[in-house]
Each structure stands twice: as C-alpha cells, then as structure tokens.
Amino acid sequence: MATMSAGHKREISKQDYNANLAECAGHEVLSALSDKWLTLVVSALADGPLRHSELARIIAGASQKMLTQTLRKLERDGLVVRTVTASVPPRVDYELTALGHGLLPIQRSIKTWAETHIDAIHKARVRYDANGD
C-alpha cells in the first residue's frame, strides 16, 4: 500500500463529508432531512411519544403507507425509537431519540424563517411569473 502525503490526506478528508458532492454521505443525509414527511413527523413528536394513529391525525395528508415508510426511515437513521408494549392489541409508540431532538431547533429556525418571509416569497413569485420566465 502506497504512503500518502499529508496534503493528499487532507484533500481526501475534505471530500469525505462535502454534501455538495453527490457521492458524499452528507448529500444523502441532507436529502433525507429535506423530506416534507420527515419534517412533519419530527415536529409532531417534539412534545413526546405518539402512536401511529395519533401521528396520522396530526399530520394531515399523510397516507398510512407514507407515514409508516417515514417512521421506518427515521428509526433506521436513529432519529426515532419505536417501542412495542405487550398488550392486546400491542401498543406501539414512536419517540424522538437524542439525535432527533437535536434536529428540532434547526427545524424550528427554518419554520420561523419561512413564516417570516412567506410574503416576500409570494411577491417574488408573482414578479417572476409576470415576466413570463
């Protein structure tokens, strides 16, 4: 195996987590985090654990299939933990992990920014559409 120079190692290290590169793992994570359903589920779980049916009531428009797929992705990524309680029928609760809770301030900042700037965005869209572009 060839020895690498310190400069070459630094260059490879810089590329390891450059989310602008399609092959970077960070690119994949950013894509997942920008998913609308992921954002809504994480937000719904902010105040504590919920059952699937409770999440379905809170998240308008999410089909059972979409909600289940999103919860599985969140669980796989370590953002949500699924707890099954033995009962008849079995009780299943979903709750944010510490990693999931760490995402909340970022999501809240984006939500606040969107709510603060929605009028400016709508005006920009009207201007853009009026120019026929």
Protein backbone atom coordinates (compact mmCIF):
# COMPACT_ATOMS: atom_id res chain seq x y z
CA MET A 1 0.00 0.00 0.00
CA ALA A 2 1.41 3.40 -1.01
CA THR A 3 2.07 6.12 1.54
CA MET A 4 0.05 9.32 1.12
CA SER A 5 1.37 12.80 1.71
CA ALA A 6 -0.25 14.93 4.41
CA GLY A 7 -1.67 17.24 1.72
CA HIS A 8 -3.26 14.31 -0.12
CA LYS A 9 -4.76 13.02 3.15
CA ARG A 10 -6.23 16.47 3.88
CA GLU A 11 -7.74 16.64 0.38
CA ILE A 12 -9.35 13.21 0.77
CA SER A 13 -10.59 14.15 4.24
CA LYS A 14 -12.20 17.37 2.89
CA GLN A 15 -14.06 15.33 0.28
CA ASP A 16 -15.27 12.73 2.78
CA TYR A 17 -18.08 14.97 4.04
CA ASN A 18 -18.74 17.52 1.34
CA ALA A 19 -22.51 17.46 0.96
CA ASN A 20 -22.20 19.22 -2.39
CA LEU A 21 -20.73 16.05 -3.85
CA ALA A 22 -23.37 13.55 -5.00
CA GLU A 23 -21.34 10.60 -3.72
CA CYS A 24 -20.93 12.07 -0.22
CA ALA A 25 -22.89 10.54 2.65
CA GLY A 26 -23.78 14.09 3.74
CA HIS A 27 -25.58 14.60 0.42
CA GLU A 28 -27.79 11.61 1.24
CA VAL A 29 -28.48 12.87 4.78
CA LEU A 30 -29.42 16.36 3.54
CA SER A 31 -31.77 14.81 1.02
CA ALA A 32 -33.46 12.78 3.75
CA LEU A 33 -33.73 15.76 6.10
CA SER A 34 -35.40 17.88 3.44
CA ASP A 35 -38.23 15.38 3.04
CA LYS A 36 -41.57 17.00 3.89
CA TRP A 37 -42.92 13.98 5.75
CA LEU A 38 -39.76 13.59 7.83
CA THR A 39 -40.02 17.22 8.89
CA LEU A 40 -43.69 16.88 9.84
CA VAL A 41 -43.17 13.66 11.82
CA VAL A 42 -40.19 15.03 13.75
CA SER A 43 -42.17 18.17 14.53
CA ALA A 44 -45.19 16.15 15.68
CA LEU A 45 -43.01 14.08 18.03
CA ALA A 46 -41.40 17.18 19.61
CA ASP A 47 -43.60 17.06 22.70
CA GLY A 48 -43.28 13.34 23.39
CA PRO A 49 -44.15 9.87 22.17
CA LEU A 50 -47.16 9.24 19.96
CA ARG A 51 -48.87 6.23 18.46
CA HIS A 52 -49.19 5.76 14.70
CA SER A 53 -52.89 6.69 14.79
CA GLU A 54 -52.14 9.89 16.73
CA LEU A 55 -49.46 10.87 14.22
CA ALA A 56 -51.90 10.19 11.36
CA ARG A 57 -54.41 12.62 12.93
CA ILE A 58 -51.79 15.31 13.47
CA ILE A 59 -50.13 15.06 10.05
CA ALA A 60 -52.86 15.91 7.58
CA GLY A 61 -52.48 14.36 4.15
CA ALA A 62 -50.06 11.60 5.11
CA SER A 63 -51.26 8.21 3.96
CA GLN A 64 -50.76 5.25 6.27
CA LYS A 65 -48.14 3.90 3.86
CA MET A 66 -46.22 7.19 3.71
CA LEU A 67 -46.32 7.61 7.48
CA THR A 68 -45.10 4.04 8.02
CA GLN A 69 -42.28 4.47 5.48
CA THR A 70 -41.22 7.76 7.08
CA LEU A 71 -41.23 6.29 10.58
CA ARG A 72 -39.09 3.36 9.38
CA LYS A 73 -36.59 5.76 7.77
CA LEU A 74 -36.44 7.84 10.95
CA GLU A 75 -35.91 4.73 13.05
CA ARG A 76 -33.21 3.45 10.68
CA ASP A 77 -31.42 6.82 10.82
CA GLY A 78 -31.54 6.85 14.62
CA LEU A 79 -33.88 9.83 14.92
CA VAL A 80 -36.85 7.89 16.29
CA VAL A 81 -37.21 4.90 18.56
CA ARG A 82 -40.15 2.51 18.25
CA THR A 83 -41.38 0.93 21.48
CA VAL A 84 -43.79 -2.02 21.49
CA THR A 85 -45.72 -2.63 24.70
CA ALA A 86 -47.18 -6.10 25.12
CA SER A 87 -50.94 -5.74 25.32
CA VAL A 88 -53.97 -6.76 23.28
CA PRO A 89 -53.69 -5.25 20.75
CA PRO A 90 -49.98 -4.42 21.08
CA ARG A 91 -49.26 -0.76 21.75
CA VAL A 92 -46.61 0.86 19.55
CA ASP A 93 -45.21 4.28 20.39
CA TYR A 94 -42.75 6.43 18.46
CA GLU A 95 -40.46 8.87 20.20
CA LEU A 96 -37.58 11.11 19.21
CA THR A 97 -34.11 10.00 20.25
CA ALA A 98 -31.48 12.45 21.49
CA LEU A 99 -30.32 12.73 17.87
CA GLY A 100 -33.90 13.51 16.78
CA HIS A 101 -34.27 16.15 19.50
CA GLY A 102 -31.06 17.74 18.22
CA LEU A 103 -32.80 18.35 14.89
CA LEU A 104 -35.72 20.28 16.44
CA PRO A 105 -34.00 23.68 16.89
CA ILE A 106 -32.87 23.60 13.26
CA GLN A 107 -36.35 22.73 12.03
CA ARG A 108 -37.91 25.41 14.20
CA SER A 109 -35.50 28.01 12.81
CA ILE A 110 -36.39 27.05 9.24
CA LYS A 111 -40.12 27.15 10.08
CA THR A 112 -39.75 30.59 11.67
CA TRP A 113 -37.76 31.86 8.67
CA ALA A 114 -40.42 30.53 6.28
CA GLU A 115 -43.28 32.11 8.22
CA THR A 116 -41.41 35.42 8.45
CA HIS A 117 -40.58 35.55 4.73
CA ILE A 118 -43.61 33.96 3.07
CA ASP A 119 -45.00 37.33 1.89
CA ALA A 120 -41.67 38.26 0.27
CA ILE A 121 -41.50 34.86 -1.42
CA HIS A 122 -45.06 35.16 -2.75
CA LYS A 123 -44.28 38.64 -4.12
CA ALA A 124 -41.10 37.35 -5.78
CA ARG A 125 -43.09 34.52 -7.40
CA VAL A 126 -45.70 36.97 -8.73
CA ARG A 127 -42.91 39.16 -10.20
CA TYR A 128 -41.17 36.15 -11.74
CA ASP A 129 -44.41 34.75 -13.22
CA ALA A 130 -45.36 38.17 -14.60
CA ASN A 131 -42.10 38.27 -16.56
CA GLY A 132 -43.09 35.04 -18.33
CA ASP A 133 -39.94 33.18 -17.35
